[in-house]
Amino acid sequence: MSEKIAGLKVRDVQCDELWGYVGMKEKSKGIFYKNVDTLGDAYCFVAIERNTKMILSWHLGRRTSQDTLAFIFKLRNATTGKFQLSRWMASVSRSN
């Protein structure tokens, strides 16, 4: 998707996260599965252009700063110029 969607000029971007789990919820892992990274909570970060409903970028991972940053970098590559970012922050302006 990142090869096809790059450098788009957008006005309003809505970001959200969807929670799910693989195998079992994170709090149910216990001591035996504590260090198993393939089980537990999973988050899908999604950026949608509000007017056209086009998905600009997405990222599947954990709710960590590393995965959040990976998602933001994907969104940055998909867009250009300044836009309103809703849902996560009241207002963020990005300029190249």
C-alpha atoms as a PDB file:
ATOM      1  CA  MET A   1       0.000   0.000   0.000  1.00  0.00           C
ATOM      2  CA  SER A   2       2.837   2.418   0.778  1.00  0.00           C
ATOM      3  CA  GLU A   3       4.137   2.090  -2.789  1.00  0.00           C
ATOM      4  CA  LYS A   4       0.774   3.214  -4.215  1.00  0.00           C
ATOM      5  CA  ILE A   5      -0.183   5.912  -1.688  1.00  0.00           C
ATOM      6  CA  ALA A   6       2.556   8.502  -1.268  1.00  0.00           C
ATOM      7  CA  GLY A   7       2.696  12.282  -1.159  1.00  0.00           C
ATOM      8  CA  LEU A   8      -1.069  12.875  -1.200  1.00  0.00           C
ATOM      9  CA  LYS A   9      -2.351  16.340  -0.335  1.00  0.00           C
ATOM     10  CA  VAL A  10      -5.103  15.953   2.269  1.00  0.00           C
ATOM     11  CA  ARG A  11      -7.177  18.309   4.428  1.00  0.00           C
ATOM     12  CA  ASP A  12      -8.499  16.242   7.326  1.00  0.00           C
ATOM     13  CA  VAL A  13      -7.042  12.996   8.631  1.00  0.00           C
ATOM     14  CA  GLN A  14      -8.736  10.851  11.249  1.00  0.00           C
ATOM     15  CA  CYS A  15      -6.562   8.405  13.174  1.00  0.00           C
ATOM     16  CA  ASP A  16      -7.803   5.564  15.294  1.00  0.00           C
ATOM     17  CA  GLU A  17      -6.681   2.278  16.764  1.00  0.00           C
ATOM     18  CA  LEU A  18      -8.490  -1.042  16.838  1.00  0.00           C
ATOM     19  CA  TRP A  19      -7.746  -3.484  19.629  1.00  0.00           C
ATOM     20  CA  GLY A  20      -7.802  -7.237  19.347  1.00  0.00           C
ATOM     21  CA  TYR A  21      -5.876 -10.185  20.673  1.00  0.00           C
ATOM     22  CA  VAL A  22      -4.067 -13.181  19.246  1.00  0.00           C
ATOM     23  CA  GLY A  23      -4.592 -16.448  21.122  1.00  0.00           C
ATOM     24  CA  MET A  24      -5.335 -14.809  24.474  1.00  0.00           C
ATOM     25  CA  LYS A  25      -5.633 -11.393  26.085  1.00  0.00           C
ATOM     26  CA  GLU A  26      -2.413  -9.863  27.396  1.00  0.00           C
ATOM     27  CA  LYS A  27      -3.532 -10.044  31.029  1.00  0.00           C
ATOM     28  CA  SER A  28      -4.281 -13.788  30.646  1.00  0.00           C
ATOM     29  CA  LYS A  29      -0.775 -14.741  29.469  1.00  0.00           C
ATOM     30  CA  GLY A  30       0.533 -15.462  32.956  1.00  0.00           C
ATOM     31  CA  ILE A  31       4.102 -16.503  33.715  1.00  0.00           C
ATOM     32  CA  PHE A  32       4.275 -19.351  31.192  1.00  0.00           C
ATOM     33  CA  TYR A  33       3.452 -17.186  28.127  1.00  0.00           C
ATOM     34  CA  LYS A  34       4.820 -13.869  29.444  1.00  0.00           C
ATOM     35  CA  ASN A  35       7.711 -13.653  26.961  1.00  0.00           C
ATOM     36  CA  VAL A  36       5.823 -15.034  23.942  1.00  0.00           C
ATOM     37  CA  ASP A  37       5.520 -12.086  21.556  1.00  0.00           C
ATOM     38  CA  THR A  38       3.175 -13.859  19.125  1.00  0.00           C
ATOM     39  CA  LEU A  39       0.365 -14.036  21.714  1.00  0.00           C
ATOM     40  CA  GLY A  40      -1.587 -11.271  23.411  1.00  0.00           C
ATOM     41  CA  ASP A  41      -2.885  -7.806  22.608  1.00  0.00           C
ATOM     42  CA  ALA A  42      -2.627  -6.435  19.079  1.00  0.00           C
ATOM     43  CA  TYR A  43      -3.430  -2.924  17.849  1.00  0.00           C
ATOM     44  CA  CYS A  44      -4.178  -1.852  14.300  1.00  0.00           C
ATOM     45  CA  PHE A  45      -3.468   1.861  13.838  1.00  0.00           C
ATOM     46  CA  VAL A  46      -5.416   3.393  10.925  1.00  0.00           C
ATOM     47  CA  ALA A  47      -5.308   6.842   9.260  1.00  0.00           C
ATOM     48  CA  ILE A  48      -8.324   7.772   7.116  1.00  0.00           C
ATOM     49  CA  GLU A  49      -8.868  10.889   5.013  1.00  0.00           C
ATOM     50  CA  ARG A  50     -12.142  12.151   6.486  1.00  0.00           C
ATOM     51  CA  ASN A  51     -13.759  13.475   3.298  1.00  0.00           C
ATOM     52  CA  THR A  52     -13.010  10.618   0.886  1.00  0.00           C
ATOM     53  CA  LYS A  53     -12.740   7.815   3.501  1.00  0.00           C
ATOM     54  CA  MET A  54      -9.511   6.683   1.871  1.00  0.00           C
ATOM     55  CA  ILE A  55      -7.181   4.680   4.094  1.00  0.00           C
ATOM     56  CA  LEU A  56      -3.854   6.519   3.983  1.00  0.00           C
ATOM     57  CA  SER A  57      -1.793   4.231   6.191  1.00  0.00           C
ATOM     58  CA  TRP A  58      -2.075   1.470   8.746  1.00  0.00           C
ATOM     59  CA  HIS A  59       0.195  -0.433  11.105  1.00  0.00           C
ATOM     60  CA  LEU A  60      -0.327  -3.623  13.124  1.00  0.00           C
ATOM     61  CA  GLY A  61       1.614  -3.965  16.352  1.00  0.00           C
ATOM     62  CA  ARG A  62       1.558  -3.384  20.065  1.00  0.00           C
ATOM     63  CA  ARG A  63       0.568  -0.198  21.864  1.00  0.00           C
ATOM     64  CA  THR A  64       4.146   0.999  22.241  1.00  0.00           C
ATOM     65  CA  SER A  65       5.929   4.187  21.273  1.00  0.00           C
ATOM     66  CA  GLN A  66       7.958   2.191  18.720  1.00  0.00           C
ATOM     67  CA  ASP A  67       4.844   0.934  16.892  1.00  0.00           C
ATOM     68  CA  THR A  68       3.130   4.329  17.163  1.00  0.00           C
ATOM     69  CA  LEU A  69       6.172   5.990  15.611  1.00  0.00           C
ATOM     70  CA  ALA A  70       6.243   3.410  12.808  1.00  0.00           C
ATOM     71  CA  PHE A  71       2.599   4.272  12.055  1.00  0.00           C
ATOM     72  CA  ILE A  72       3.281   8.026  12.107  1.00  0.00           C
ATOM     73  CA  PHE A  73       6.203   7.582   9.670  1.00  0.00           C
ATOM     74  CA  LYS A  74       3.919   5.637   7.317  1.00  0.00           C
ATOM     75  CA  LEU A  75       1.355   8.448   7.537  1.00  0.00           C
ATOM     76  CA  ARG A  76       4.059  11.034   6.884  1.00  0.00           C
ATOM     77  CA  ASN A  77       5.173   9.228   3.714  1.00  0.00           C
ATOM     78  CA  ALA A  78       1.575   8.908   2.515  1.00  0.00           C
ATOM     79  CA  THR A  79       0.777  12.629   2.860  1.00  0.00           C
ATOM     80  CA  THR A  80       2.176  16.042   2.053  1.00  0.00           C
ATOM     81  CA  GLY A  81       1.505  19.603   3.163  1.00  0.00           C
ATOM     82  CA  LYS A  82      -0.499  20.710   6.193  1.00  0.00           C
ATOM     83  CA  PHE A  83      -3.615  19.032   7.497  1.00  0.00           C
ATOM     84  CA  GLN A  84      -5.866  18.752  10.526  1.00  0.00           C
ATOM     85  CA  LEU A  85      -5.287  15.586  12.531  1.00  0.00           C
ATOM     86  CA  SER A  86      -8.317  14.559  14.560  1.00  0.00           C
ATOM     87  CA  ARG A  87      -9.040  11.860  17.131  1.00  0.00           C
ATOM     88  CA  TRP A  88      -5.627  11.509  18.797  1.00  0.00           C
ATOM     89  CA  MET A  89      -4.792  15.182  19.170  1.00  0.00           C
ATOM     90  CA  ALA A  90      -6.859  18.336  19.130  1.00  0.00           C
ATOM     91  CA  SER A  91      -4.853  19.902  16.320  1.00  0.00           C
ATOM     92  CA  VAL A  92      -1.531  19.075  14.734  1.00  0.00           C
ATOM     93  CA  SER A  93      -0.085  20.860  11.752  1.00  0.00           C
ATOM     94  CA  ARG A  94       2.626  19.235   9.670  1.00  0.00           C
ATOM     95  CA  SER A  95       4.637  21.001   7.032  1.00  0.00           C
ATOM     96  CA  ASN A  96       7.333  19.685   4.702  1.00  0.00           C
END
